[in-house]
Amino acid sequence: MHFARSCLAIAALALVVGCASRAVDVKPAPADPAAYAGWACERLAEQIDAVQQRAADVAYAVDTRAGHNMIALGIGVTVFWPALLAMRPDGAEAAELAALKGRFEAMQTAAARHRCGASLTASAAERDEALPVGLGDRLVYEQRTGPRGAAHELGMRVASLQHDQLEFTLDLDGQALAQRWYQDLAGNAVSSPQRAQPVGLQRLLQRDLALGQVLAGELTAGDALPGRARVRGQVVAIGPQQIGGREFDVAVIELFGDVPTAAGGSTRLDGVMSVDRRSGVLLRLELRSSDNARYALRRRLVRVEAGGG
């Protein structure tokens, strides 16, 4: 399933990058699959994801300096290698991306030789048991928009637990929404041209957040590019917290940055959020912006309804 989803992501993003003006053929740096012959399937799976995550982070840093945001589409840890390489053909980043792709291909070959499919499924099952939420669980949030906005109930039900992401169905005040929510296990929104998110963090959060860690990324409100906010954050507290009978491993993050205004300028954004460090599940989000109402938002997890309840 992980491989099939990767292929779908590649096919979709190929349409986006097919007309890139810098389509330079950067070859992967050779790597020998034999170097990974002694690795267990679980280690191979973890490192394949880590290599792709590093490639996405390098590409995002290049994009930020260049003033465009190809990788900010938020494709999670399944990266579209042709786009990453073609759009960034120069300098040290190109060499690192080529080396990462070489390692990726070598580890994929090693995994295929080990026939890791069944082992990876078992590892995923063990991981799912360690998460604070399970398949079918419904996370219930109180949500308010604006300083004095009325309270609404936002429901997010776990529809699937993937190797690298969670999928939720949504409902608002008891009414089912057609849209679905996808996020990686750090808490970043995962989107593609077919997966638009209403409000989501992109390339901001990381797994296993540490006290004092500094973060940078984007916060999006809807699909329109003028809605993107550049945000930074710092982990100011970590520790256990129990909500609705579930134990969460919480990181509290202070947020600050700039959001665009209707007049074409920018205005200050600040806030705070807390997420579960194991699953990326959002526990609390408070955003404040005086001149962009899309970023005046409060969302707080109030209970967790067990699957089937």
C-alpha atoms as a PDB file:
ATOM      1  CA  MET A   1       0.000   0.000   0.000  1.00  0.00           C
ATOM      2  CA  HIS A   2       2.859   2.343   0.833  1.00  0.00           C
ATOM      3  CA  PHE A   3       4.370   1.678  -2.611  1.00  0.00           C
ATOM      4  CA  ALA A   4       1.043   2.179  -4.363  1.00  0.00           C
ATOM      5  CA  ARG A   5       0.480   5.492  -2.586  1.00  0.00           C
ATOM      6  CA  SER A   6       3.965   6.606  -3.609  1.00  0.00           C
ATOM      7  CA  CYS A   7       3.150   5.870  -7.240  1.00  0.00           C
ATOM      8  CA  LEU A   8      -0.082   7.876  -7.026  1.00  0.00           C
ATOM      9  CA  ALA A   9       1.802  10.810  -5.523  1.00  0.00           C
ATOM     10  CA  ILE A  10       4.394  10.630  -8.289  1.00  0.00           C
ATOM     11  CA  ALA A  11       1.730  10.539 -10.994  1.00  0.00           C
ATOM     12  CA  ALA A  12      -0.127  13.508  -9.534  1.00  0.00           C
ATOM     13  CA  LEU A  13       2.921  15.661  -8.972  1.00  0.00           C
ATOM     14  CA  ALA A  14       4.309  14.878 -12.413  1.00  0.00           C
ATOM     15  CA  LEU A  15       1.469  17.014 -13.788  1.00  0.00           C
ATOM     16  CA  VAL A  16       2.560  19.892 -11.565  1.00  0.00           C
ATOM     17  CA  VAL A  17       6.257  19.857 -12.441  1.00  0.00           C
ATOM     18  CA  GLY A  18       6.070  18.694 -16.053  1.00  0.00           C
ATOM     19  CA  CYS A  19       6.489  22.255 -17.392  1.00  0.00           C
ATOM     20  CA  ALA A  20       9.330  23.272 -15.070  1.00  0.00           C
ATOM     21  CA  SER A  21      11.710  25.686 -16.773  1.00  0.00           C
ATOM     22  CA  ARG A  22      14.771  24.144 -15.098  1.00  0.00           C
ATOM     23  CA  ALA A  23      14.208  20.499 -15.967  1.00  0.00           C
ATOM     24  CA  VAL A  24      17.851  19.475 -15.691  1.00  0.00           C
ATOM     25  CA  ASP A  25      18.625  15.770 -15.496  1.00  0.00           C
ATOM     26  CA  VAL A  26      20.509  15.336 -12.233  1.00  0.00           C
ATOM     27  CA  LYS A  27      21.618  11.719 -11.905  1.00  0.00           C
ATOM     28  CA  PRO A  28      21.548   9.896  -8.558  1.00  0.00           C
ATOM     29  CA  ALA A  29      24.951   9.299  -7.024  1.00  0.00           C
ATOM     30  CA  PRO A  30      25.696   5.560  -7.222  1.00  0.00           C
ATOM     31  CA  ALA A  31      25.229   3.566  -4.017  1.00  0.00           C
ATOM     32  CA  ASP A  32      25.696  -0.168  -3.525  1.00  0.00           C
ATOM     33  CA  PRO A  33      22.666  -2.108  -2.212  1.00  0.00           C
ATOM     34  CA  ALA A  34      25.142  -4.549  -0.678  1.00  0.00           C
ATOM     35  CA  ALA A  35      25.936  -1.892   1.927  1.00  0.00           C
ATOM     36  CA  TYR A  36      22.457  -2.490   3.372  1.00  0.00           C
ATOM     37  CA  ALA A  37      22.369  -6.256   2.987  1.00  0.00           C
ATOM     38  CA  GLY A  38      22.656  -6.844   6.722  1.00  0.00           C
ATOM     39  CA  TRP A  39      19.909  -4.400   7.687  1.00  0.00           C
ATOM     40  CA  ALA A  40      16.603  -5.612   9.094  1.00  0.00           C
ATOM     41  CA  CYS A  41      13.417  -4.649   7.275  1.00  0.00           C
ATOM     42  CA  GLU A  42      12.290  -2.305  10.046  1.00  0.00           C
ATOM     43  CA  ARG A  43      15.590  -0.418   9.910  1.00  0.00           C
ATOM     44  CA  LEU A  44      15.374  -0.187   6.125  1.00  0.00           C
ATOM     45  CA  ALA A  45      11.834   1.213   6.330  1.00  0.00           C
ATOM     46  CA  GLU A  46      12.842   3.824   8.889  1.00  0.00           C
ATOM     47  CA  GLN A  47      15.890   4.921   6.903  1.00  0.00           C
ATOM     48  CA  ILE A  48      14.012   5.046   3.586  1.00  0.00           C
ATOM     49  CA  ASP A  49      11.564   7.464   5.193  1.00  0.00           C
ATOM     50  CA  ALA A  50      14.412   9.412   6.831  1.00  0.00           C
ATOM     51  CA  VAL A  51      16.241   9.836   3.510  1.00  0.00           C
ATOM     52  CA  GLN A  52      13.102  11.130   1.812  1.00  0.00           C
ATOM     53  CA  GLN A  53      12.396  13.471   4.725  1.00  0.00           C
ATOM     54  CA  ARG A  54      15.933  14.868   4.506  1.00  0.00           C
ATOM     55  CA  ALA A  55      15.557  15.369   0.750  1.00  0.00           C
ATOM     56  CA  ALA A  56      12.315  17.279   1.276  1.00  0.00           C
ATOM     57  CA  ASP A  57      13.937  19.441   3.970  1.00  0.00           C
ATOM     58  CA  VAL A  58      16.920  20.291   1.729  1.00  0.00           C
ATOM     59  CA  ALA A  59      14.608  21.173  -1.159  1.00  0.00           C
ATOM     60  CA  TYR A  60      12.433  23.319   1.098  1.00  0.00           C
ATOM     61  CA  ALA A  61      15.474  25.282   2.304  1.00  0.00           C
ATOM     62  CA  VAL A  62      16.506  25.941  -1.303  1.00  0.00           C
ATOM     63  CA  ASP A  63      12.973  27.015  -2.202  1.00  0.00           C
ATOM     64  CA  THR A  64      12.803  29.430   0.715  1.00  0.00           C
ATOM     65  CA  ARG A  65      15.972  31.218  -0.425  1.00  0.00           C
ATOM     66  CA  ALA A  66      14.775  31.293  -4.034  1.00  0.00           C
ATOM     67  CA  GLY A  67      11.355  32.677  -3.145  1.00  0.00           C
ATOM     68  CA  HIS A  68       9.243  29.786  -4.450  1.00  0.00           C
ATOM     69  CA  ASN A  69       7.649  26.902  -2.591  1.00  0.00           C
ATOM     70  CA  MET A  70       7.559  23.739  -4.654  1.00  0.00           C
ATOM     71  CA  ILE A  71       8.093  21.418  -1.709  1.00  0.00           C
ATOM     72  CA  ALA A  72       5.685  23.439   0.433  1.00  0.00           C
ATOM     73  CA  LEU A  73       2.888  21.546  -1.311  1.00  0.00           C
ATOM     74  CA  GLY A  74       3.367  19.226   1.650  1.00  0.00           C
ATOM     75  CA  ILE A  75       3.815  15.726   0.264  1.00  0.00           C
ATOM     76  CA  GLY A  76       4.951  14.148   3.501  1.00  0.00           C
ATOM     77  CA  VAL A  77       7.811  11.694   3.532  1.00  0.00           C
ATOM     78  CA  THR A  78       6.979  10.279   0.096  1.00  0.00           C
ATOM     79  CA  VAL A  79       8.955  12.594  -2.167  1.00  0.00           C
ATOM     80  CA  PHE A  80       8.828  13.004  -5.941  1.00  0.00           C
ATOM     81  CA  TRP A  81      12.509  12.630  -6.756  1.00  0.00           C
ATOM     82  CA  PRO A  82      12.420  13.911 -10.381  1.00  0.00           C
ATOM     83  CA  ALA A  83      10.930  17.218  -9.230  1.00  0.00           C
ATOM     84  CA  LEU A  84      13.377  17.650  -6.357  1.00  0.00           C
ATOM     85  CA  LEU A  85      16.359  17.050  -8.609  1.00  0.00           C
ATOM     86  CA  ALA A  86      15.176  18.914 -11.693  1.00  0.00           C
ATOM     87  CA  MET A  87      14.178  22.086  -9.902  1.00  0.00           C
ATOM     88  CA  ARG A  88      17.426  22.334  -7.909  1.00  0.00           C
ATOM     89  CA  PRO A  89      20.245  21.371 -10.273  1.00  0.00           C
ATOM     90  CA  ASP A  90      23.037  23.603  -8.949  1.00  0.00           C
ATOM     91  CA  GLY A  91      25.319  23.844  -5.957  1.00  0.00           C
ATOM     92  CA  ALA A  92      25.864  21.750  -2.857  1.00  0.00           C
ATOM     93  CA  GLU A  93      22.151  20.969  -2.505  1.00  0.00           C
ATOM     94  CA  ALA A  94      22.098  19.247  -5.899  1.00  0.00           C
ATOM     95  CA  ALA A  95      24.998  17.039  -4.851  1.00  0.00           C
ATOM     96  CA  GLU A  96      23.299  16.163  -1.563  1.00  0.00           C
ATOM     97  CA  LEU A  97      19.989  15.406  -3.284  1.00  0.00           C
ATOM     98  CA  ALA A  98      21.759  13.177  -5.801  1.00  0.00           C
ATOM     99  CA  ALA A  99      23.499  11.325  -2.965  1.00  0.00           C
ATOM    100  CA  LEU A 100      20.213  10.936  -1.086  1.00  0.00           C
ATOM    101  CA  LYS A 101      18.487   9.540  -4.154  1.00  0.00           C
ATOM    102  CA  GLY A 102      21.316   7.064  -4.648  1.00  0.00           C
ATOM    103  CA  ARG A 103      20.922   5.863  -1.057  1.00  0.00           C
ATOM    104  CA  PHE A 104      17.143   5.714  -1.476  1.00  0.00           C
ATOM    105  CA  GLU A 105      17.387   3.511  -4.577  1.00  0.00           C
ATOM    106  CA  ALA A 106      19.987   1.244  -2.977  1.00  0.00           C
ATOM    107  CA  MET A 107      17.868   0.732   0.148  1.00  0.00           C
ATOM    108  CA  GLN A 108      14.775   0.105  -1.962  1.00  0.00           C
ATOM    109  CA  THR A 109      16.708  -2.592  -3.823  1.00  0.00           C
ATOM    110  CA  ALA A 110      17.903  -4.117  -0.543  1.00  0.00           C
ATOM    111  CA  ALA A 111      14.350  -4.113   0.832  1.00  0.00           C
ATOM    112  CA  ALA A 112      13.070  -5.846  -2.305  1.00  0.00           C
ATOM    113  CA  ARG A 113      15.793  -8.507  -2.022  1.00  0.00           C
ATOM    114  CA  HIS A 114      14.820  -9.099   1.615  1.00  0.00           C
ATOM    115  CA  ARG A 115      11.125  -9.296   0.645  1.00  0.00           C
ATOM    116  CA  CYS A 116      10.307  -6.846   3.409  1.00  0.00           C
ATOM    117  CA  GLY A 117       6.605  -6.360   2.687  1.00  0.00           C
ATOM    118  CA  ALA A 118       5.259  -8.687   5.410  1.00  0.00           C
ATOM    119  CA  SER A 119       7.840  -7.512   7.950  1.00  0.00           C
ATOM    120  CA  LEU A 120       6.993  -3.890   7.306  1.00  0.00           C
ATOM    121  CA  THR A 121       3.316  -4.631   7.875  1.00  0.00           C
ATOM    122  CA  ALA A 122       4.153  -6.234  11.213  1.00  0.00           C
ATOM    123  CA  SER A 123       6.287  -3.252  12.204  1.00  0.00           C
ATOM    124  CA  ALA A 124       3.445  -0.908  11.308  1.00  0.00           C
ATOM    125  CA  ALA A 125       1.059  -2.919  13.489  1.00  0.00           C
ATOM    126  CA  GLU A 126       3.437  -2.635  16.441  1.00  0.00           C
ATOM    127  CA  ARG A 127       3.690   1.117  15.846  1.00  0.00           C
ATOM    128  CA  ASP A 128      -0.087   1.497  15.680  1.00  0.00           C
ATOM    129  CA  GLU A 129      -0.436  -0.157  19.089  1.00  0.00           C
ATOM    130  CA  ALA A 130       1.933   2.453  20.557  1.00  0.00           C
ATOM    131  CA  LEU A 131      -0.095   5.403  19.258  1.00  0.00           C
ATOM    132  CA  PRO A 132      -2.516   7.158  21.644  1.00  0.00           C
ATOM    133  CA  VAL A 133      -5.346   6.934  19.087  1.00  0.00           C
ATOM    134  CA  GLY A 134      -6.602   3.978  17.091  1.00  0.00           C
ATOM    135  CA  LEU A 135      -8.586   3.181  13.997  1.00  0.00           C
ATOM    136  CA  GLY A 136     -12.152   4.474  14.323  1.00  0.00           C
ATOM    137  CA  ASP A 137     -11.439   6.803  17.249  1.00  0.00           C
ATOM    138  CA  ARG A 138     -13.125  10.211  16.986  1.00  0.00           C
ATOM    139  CA  LEU A 139     -11.226  13.258  18.236  1.00  0.00           C
ATOM    140  CA  VAL A 140     -13.650  15.989  19.325  1.00  0.00           C
ATOM    141  CA  TYR A 141     -12.463  19.602  19.294  1.00  0.00           C
ATOM    142  CA  GLU A 142     -13.992  22.861  20.394  1.00  0.00           C
ATOM    143  CA  GLN A 143     -13.279  25.376  17.653  1.00  0.00           C
ATOM    144  CA  ARG A 144     -13.759  29.139  17.595  1.00  0.00           C
ATOM    145  CA  THR A 145     -12.937  31.619  14.850  1.00  0.00           C
ATOM    146  CA  GLY A 146     -12.239  35.237  15.741  1.00  0.00           C
ATOM    147  CA  PRO A 147     -11.828  36.813  19.209  1.00  0.00           C
ATOM    148  CA  ARG A 148     -15.490  36.316  20.138  1.00  0.00           C
ATOM    149  CA  GLY A 149     -16.479  33.575  17.759  1.00  0.00           C
ATOM    150  CA  ALA A 150     -19.135  31.053  18.677  1.00  0.00           C
ATOM    151  CA  ALA A 151     -18.017  27.591  19.697  1.00  0.00           C
ATOM    152  CA  HIS A 152     -18.366  24.792  17.157  1.00  0.00           C
ATOM    153  CA  GLU A 153     -17.692  21.059  17.492  1.00  0.00           C
ATOM    154  CA  LEU A 154     -15.158  19.686  15.027  1.00  0.00           C
ATOM    155  CA  GLY A 155     -14.936  15.900  14.816  1.00  0.00           C
ATOM    156  CA  MET A 156     -11.979  14.056  13.305  1.00  0.00           C
ATOM    157  CA  ARG A 157     -12.373  10.279  13.045  1.00  0.00           C
ATOM    158  CA  VAL A 158      -9.322   8.106  12.312  1.00  0.00           C
ATOM    159  CA  ALA A 159     -10.102   6.489   8.954  1.00  0.00           C
ATOM    160  CA  SER A 160      -6.735   4.822   8.328  1.00  0.00           C
ATOM    161  CA  LEU A 161      -3.323   4.383   9.929  1.00  0.00           C
ATOM    162  CA  GLN A 162      -0.669   4.328   7.217  1.00  0.00           C
ATOM    163  CA  HIS A 163       3.049   3.662   7.508  1.00  0.00           C
ATOM    164  CA  ASP A 164       3.825   7.369   7.484  1.00  0.00           C
ATOM    165  CA  GLN A 165       0.525   9.205   7.940  1.00  0.00           C
ATOM    166  CA  LEU A 166      -2.958   9.359   9.450  1.00  0.00           C
ATOM    167  CA  GLU A 167      -6.201   9.892   7.536  1.00  0.00           C
ATOM    168  CA  PHE A 168      -9.296  11.431   9.164  1.00  0.00           C
ATOM    169  CA  THR A 169     -12.896  11.923   8.137  1.00  0.00           C
ATOM    170  CA  LEU A 170     -14.340  15.245   9.312  1.00  0.00           C
ATOM    171  CA  ASP A 171     -17.626  16.502  10.705  1.00  0.00           C
ATOM    172  CA  LEU A 172     -18.665  19.945  11.939  1.00  0.00           C
ATOM    173  CA  ASP A 173     -21.472  20.335  14.471  1.00  0.00           C
ATOM    174  CA  GLY A 174     -22.587  16.790  13.702  1.00  0.00           C
ATOM    175  CA  GLN A 175     -22.693  17.253   9.915  1.00  0.00           C
ATOM    176  CA  ALA A 176     -20.304  15.104   7.879  1.00  0.00           C
ATOM    177  CA  LEU A 177     -17.892  16.967   5.592  1.00  0.00           C
ATOM    178  CA  ALA A 178     -16.846  15.621   2.204  1.00  0.00           C
ATOM    179  CA  GLN A 179     -13.268  16.699   2.735  1.00  0.00           C
ATOM    180  CA  ARG A 180     -10.730  14.454   4.460  1.00  0.00           C
ATOM    181  CA  TRP A 181      -7.696  15.374   6.508  1.00  0.00           C
ATOM    182  CA  TYR A 182      -4.272  13.804   5.981  1.00  0.00           C
ATOM    183  CA  GLN A 183      -1.265  14.397   8.200  1.00  0.00           C
ATOM    184  CA  ASP A 184       2.122  12.840   8.785  1.00  0.00           C
ATOM    185  CA  LEU A 185       3.136  11.417  12.147  1.00  0.00           C
ATOM    186  CA  ALA A 186       4.775  14.700  13.132  1.00  0.00           C
ATOM    187  CA  GLY A 187       1.518  16.650  12.668  1.00  0.00           C
ATOM    188  CA  ASN A 188       2.153  18.364   9.317  1.00  0.00           C
ATOM    189  CA  ALA A 189      -0.690  18.479   6.807  1.00  0.00           C
ATOM    190  CA  VAL A 190      -0.096  16.145   3.876  1.00  0.00           C
ATOM    191  CA  SER A 191      -1.583  17.456   0.657  1.00  0.00           C
ATOM    192  CA  SER A 192      -1.283  17.094  -3.078  1.00  0.00           C
ATOM    193  CA  PRO A 193      -3.280  18.632  -5.948  1.00  0.00           C
ATOM    194  CA  GLN A 194      -6.039  16.189  -4.959  1.00  0.00           C
ATOM    195  CA  ARG A 195      -5.676  16.728  -1.185  1.00  0.00           C
ATOM    196  CA  ALA A 196      -6.394  20.305  -0.232  1.00  0.00           C
ATOM    197  CA  GLN A 197      -6.426  21.148   3.474  1.00  0.00           C
ATOM    198  CA  PRO A 198      -8.493  23.984   5.053  1.00  0.00           C
ATOM    199  CA  VAL A 199      -5.890  24.933   7.691  1.00  0.00           C
ATOM    200  CA  GLY A 200      -2.641  23.087   8.098  1.00  0.00           C
ATOM    201  CA  LEU A 201       0.993  23.227   9.122  1.00  0.00           C
ATOM    202  CA  GLN A 202       3.443  22.441   6.364  1.00  0.00           C
ATOM    203  CA  ARG A 203       7.036  21.369   6.964  1.00  0.00           C
ATOM    204  CA  LEU A 204       6.997  22.907  10.445  1.00  0.00           C
ATOM    205  CA  LEU A 205       6.801  19.978  12.841  1.00  0.00           C
ATOM    206  CA  GLN A 206       9.283  17.146  13.273  1.00  0.00           C
ATOM    207  CA  ARG A 207       9.172  13.782  15.005  1.00  0.00           C
ATOM    208  CA  ASP A 208      10.378  13.489  18.608  1.00  0.00           C
ATOM    209  CA  LEU A 209      10.430  17.231  19.331  1.00  0.00           C
ATOM    210  CA  ALA A 210      12.978  18.258  21.963  1.00  0.00           C
ATOM    211  CA  LEU A 211      12.813  20.997  24.567  1.00  0.00           C
ATOM    212  CA  GLY A 212      14.180  24.260  23.139  1.00  0.00           C
ATOM    213  CA  GLN A 213      14.070  23.013  19.535  1.00  0.00           C
ATOM    214  CA  VAL A 214      13.555  25.771  16.957  1.00  0.00           C
ATOM    215  CA  LEU A 215      11.220  25.142  14.016  1.00  0.00           C
ATOM    216  CA  ALA A 216      10.352  26.926  10.762  1.00  0.00           C
ATOM    217  CA  GLY A 217       7.739  26.298   8.097  1.00  0.00           C
ATOM    218  CA  GLU A 218       4.379  27.455   6.799  1.00  0.00           C
ATOM    219  CA  LEU A 219       0.797  27.650   7.982  1.00  0.00           C
ATOM    220  CA  THR A 220      -1.884  27.603   5.311  1.00  0.00           C
ATOM    221  CA  ALA A 221      -5.505  28.690   5.486  1.00  0.00           C
ATOM    222  CA  GLY A 222      -7.234  27.218   2.465  1.00  0.00           C
ATOM    223  CA  ASP A 223      -5.766  26.608  -0.967  1.00  0.00           C
ATOM    224  CA  ALA A 224      -5.098  30.208  -2.015  1.00  0.00           C
ATOM    225  CA  LEU A 225      -1.415  31.123  -1.988  1.00  0.00           C
ATOM    226  CA  PRO A 226      -2.099  34.587  -0.480  1.00  0.00           C
ATOM    227  CA  GLY A 227      -3.242  32.723   2.612  1.00  0.00           C
ATOM    228  CA  ARG A 228       0.184  31.277   3.389  1.00  0.00           C
ATOM    229  CA  ALA A 229       1.916  32.413   6.552  1.00  0.00           C
ATOM    230  CA  ARG A 230       5.611  32.016   7.252  1.00  0.00           C
ATOM    231  CA  VAL A 231       5.929  30.841  10.838  1.00  0.00           C
ATOM    232  CA  ARG A 232       8.643  29.957  13.291  1.00  0.00           C
ATOM    233  CA  GLY A 233       8.285  28.198  16.582  1.00  0.00           C
ATOM    234  CA  GLN A 234      10.116  26.940  19.616  1.00  0.00           C
ATOM    235  CA  VAL A 235       9.347  24.017  21.891  1.00  0.00           C
ATOM    236  CA  VAL A 236       8.842  25.573  25.306  1.00  0.00           C
ATOM    237  CA  ALA A 237       7.584  22.561  27.286  1.00  0.00           C
ATOM    238  CA  ILE A 238       7.311  18.786  27.009  1.00  0.00           C
ATOM    239  CA  GLY A 239       5.640  16.181  29.191  1.00  0.00           C
ATOM    240  CA  PRO A 240       2.689  13.805  29.627  1.00  0.00           C
ATOM    241  CA  GLN A 241      -0.919  14.953  29.502  1.00  0.00           C
ATOM    242  CA  GLN A 242      -4.149  12.982  29.779  1.00  0.00           C
ATOM    243  CA  ILE A 243      -7.200  13.967  27.730  1.00  0.00           C
ATOM    244  CA  GLY A 244     -10.342  11.878  27.492  1.00  0.00           C
ATOM    245  CA  GLY A 245      -8.669   8.948  29.189  1.00  0.00           C
ATOM    246  CA  ARG A 246      -5.768   8.901  26.679  1.00  0.00           C
ATOM    247  CA  GLU A 247      -2.166   9.536  27.618  1.00  0.00           C
ATOM    248  CA  PHE A 248      -0.355  11.922  25.283  1.00  0.00           C
ATOM    249  CA  ASP A 249       3.349  12.806  25.110  1.00  0.00           C
ATOM    250  CA  VAL A 250       2.978  16.551  24.629  1.00  0.00           C
ATOM    251  CA  ALA A 251       5.208  19.227  23.141  1.00  0.00           C
ATOM    252  CA  VAL A 252       4.072  22.836  23.643  1.00  0.00           C
ATOM    253  CA  ILE A 253       5.253  25.190  20.885  1.00  0.00           C
ATOM    254  CA  GLU A 254       5.159  28.975  20.806  1.00  0.00           C
ATOM    255  CA  LEU A 255       4.462  30.305  17.293  1.00  0.00           C
ATOM    256  CA  PHE A 256       5.261  33.644  15.672  1.00  0.00           C
ATOM    257  CA  GLY A 257       5.528  34.927  12.125  1.00  0.00           C
ATOM    258  CA  ASP A 258       3.882  37.004   9.410  1.00  0.00           C
ATOM    259  CA  VAL A 259       0.692  36.569   7.404  1.00  0.00           C
ATOM    260  CA  PRO A 260      -0.421  38.413   4.267  1.00  0.00           C
ATOM    261  CA  THR A 261      -3.209  40.995   4.363  1.00  0.00           C
ATOM    262  CA  ALA A 262      -5.886  41.821   1.810  1.00  0.00           C
ATOM    263  CA  ALA A 263      -4.080  45.089   1.060  1.00  0.00           C
ATOM    264  CA  GLY A 264      -1.003  43.222  -0.115  1.00  0.00           C
ATOM    265  CA  GLY A 265       1.120  43.788   2.980  1.00  0.00           C
ATOM    266  CA  SER A 266       1.745  41.577   5.960  1.00  0.00           C
ATOM    267  CA  THR A 267       0.786  41.526   9.608  1.00  0.00           C
ATOM    268  CA  ARG A 268       2.010  39.834  12.750  1.00  0.00           C
ATOM    269  CA  LEU A 269       0.948  36.334  13.741  1.00  0.00           C
ATOM    270  CA  ASP A 270       1.532  34.712  17.104  1.00  0.00           C
ATOM    271  CA  GLY A 271       0.097  31.834  19.034  1.00  0.00           C
ATOM    272  CA  VAL A 272       0.709  28.540  20.758  1.00  0.00           C
ATOM    273  CA  MET A 273       0.062  24.915  19.958  1.00  0.00           C
ATOM    274  CA  SER A 274       0.528  21.542  21.581  1.00  0.00           C
ATOM    275  CA  VAL A 275       0.889  18.236  19.750  1.00  0.00           C
ATOM    276  CA  ASP A 276       1.428  14.617  20.666  1.00  0.00           C
ATOM    277  CA  ARG A 277       5.049  13.733  19.912  1.00  0.00           C
ATOM    278  CA  ARG A 278       4.265  10.133  18.935  1.00  0.00           C
ATOM    279  CA  SER A 279       1.381  10.645  16.521  1.00  0.00           C
ATOM    280  CA  GLY A 280       1.373  14.360  15.634  1.00  0.00           C
ATOM    281  CA  VAL A 281      -2.227  14.615  16.883  1.00  0.00           C
ATOM    282  CA  LEU A 282      -3.132  18.233  17.595  1.00  0.00           C
ATOM    283  CA  LEU A 283      -4.190  18.875  21.169  1.00  0.00           C
ATOM    284  CA  ARG A 284      -4.463  22.656  21.185  1.00  0.00           C
ATOM    285  CA  LEU A 285      -4.022  25.511  18.696  1.00  0.00           C
ATOM    286  CA  GLU A 286      -4.448  29.219  19.375  1.00  0.00           C
ATOM    287  CA  LEU A 287      -3.633  31.728  16.631  1.00  0.00           C
ATOM    288  CA  ARG A 288      -3.884  35.499  16.860  1.00  0.00           C
ATOM    289  CA  SER A 289      -3.714  37.976  13.990  1.00  0.00           C
ATOM    290  CA  SER A 290      -5.343  41.407  14.141  1.00  0.00           C
ATOM    291  CA  ASP A 291      -5.501  42.052  10.377  1.00  0.00           C
ATOM    292  CA  ASN A 292      -6.178  38.608   8.890  1.00  0.00           C
ATOM    293  CA  ALA A 293      -9.289  36.929  10.279  1.00  0.00           C
ATOM    294  CA  ARG A 294      -8.360  33.597   8.697  1.00  0.00           C
ATOM    295  CA  TYR A 295      -5.619  33.294  11.300  1.00  0.00           C
ATOM    296  CA  ALA A 296      -7.681  34.135  14.387  1.00  0.00           C
ATOM    297  CA  LEU A 297      -8.478  30.599  15.432  1.00  0.00           C
ATOM    298  CA  ARG A 298      -8.775  28.476  18.563  1.00  0.00           C
ATOM    299  CA  ARG A 299      -9.016  24.691  18.504  1.00  0.00           C
ATOM    300  CA  ARG A 300      -8.878  22.517  21.646  1.00  0.00           C
ATOM    301  CA  LEU A 301      -9.237  18.751  22.024  1.00  0.00           C
ATOM    302  CA  VAL A 302     -11.950  18.115  24.613  1.00  0.00           C
ATOM    303  CA  ARG A 303     -12.490  14.351  24.379  1.00  0.00           C
ATOM    304  CA  VAL A 304     -11.686  11.173  22.499  1.00  0.00           C
ATOM    305  CA  GLU A 305     -14.511   8.813  21.562  1.00  0.00           C
ATOM    306  CA  ALA A 306     -13.385   5.214  21.163  1.00  0.00           C
ATOM    307  CA  GLY A 307     -13.858   3.570  17.787  1.00  0.00           C
ATOM    308  CA  GLY A 308     -17.368   2.242  17.366  1.00  0.00           C
ATOM    309  CA  GLY A 309     -18.635   4.536  20.150  1.00  0.00           C
END
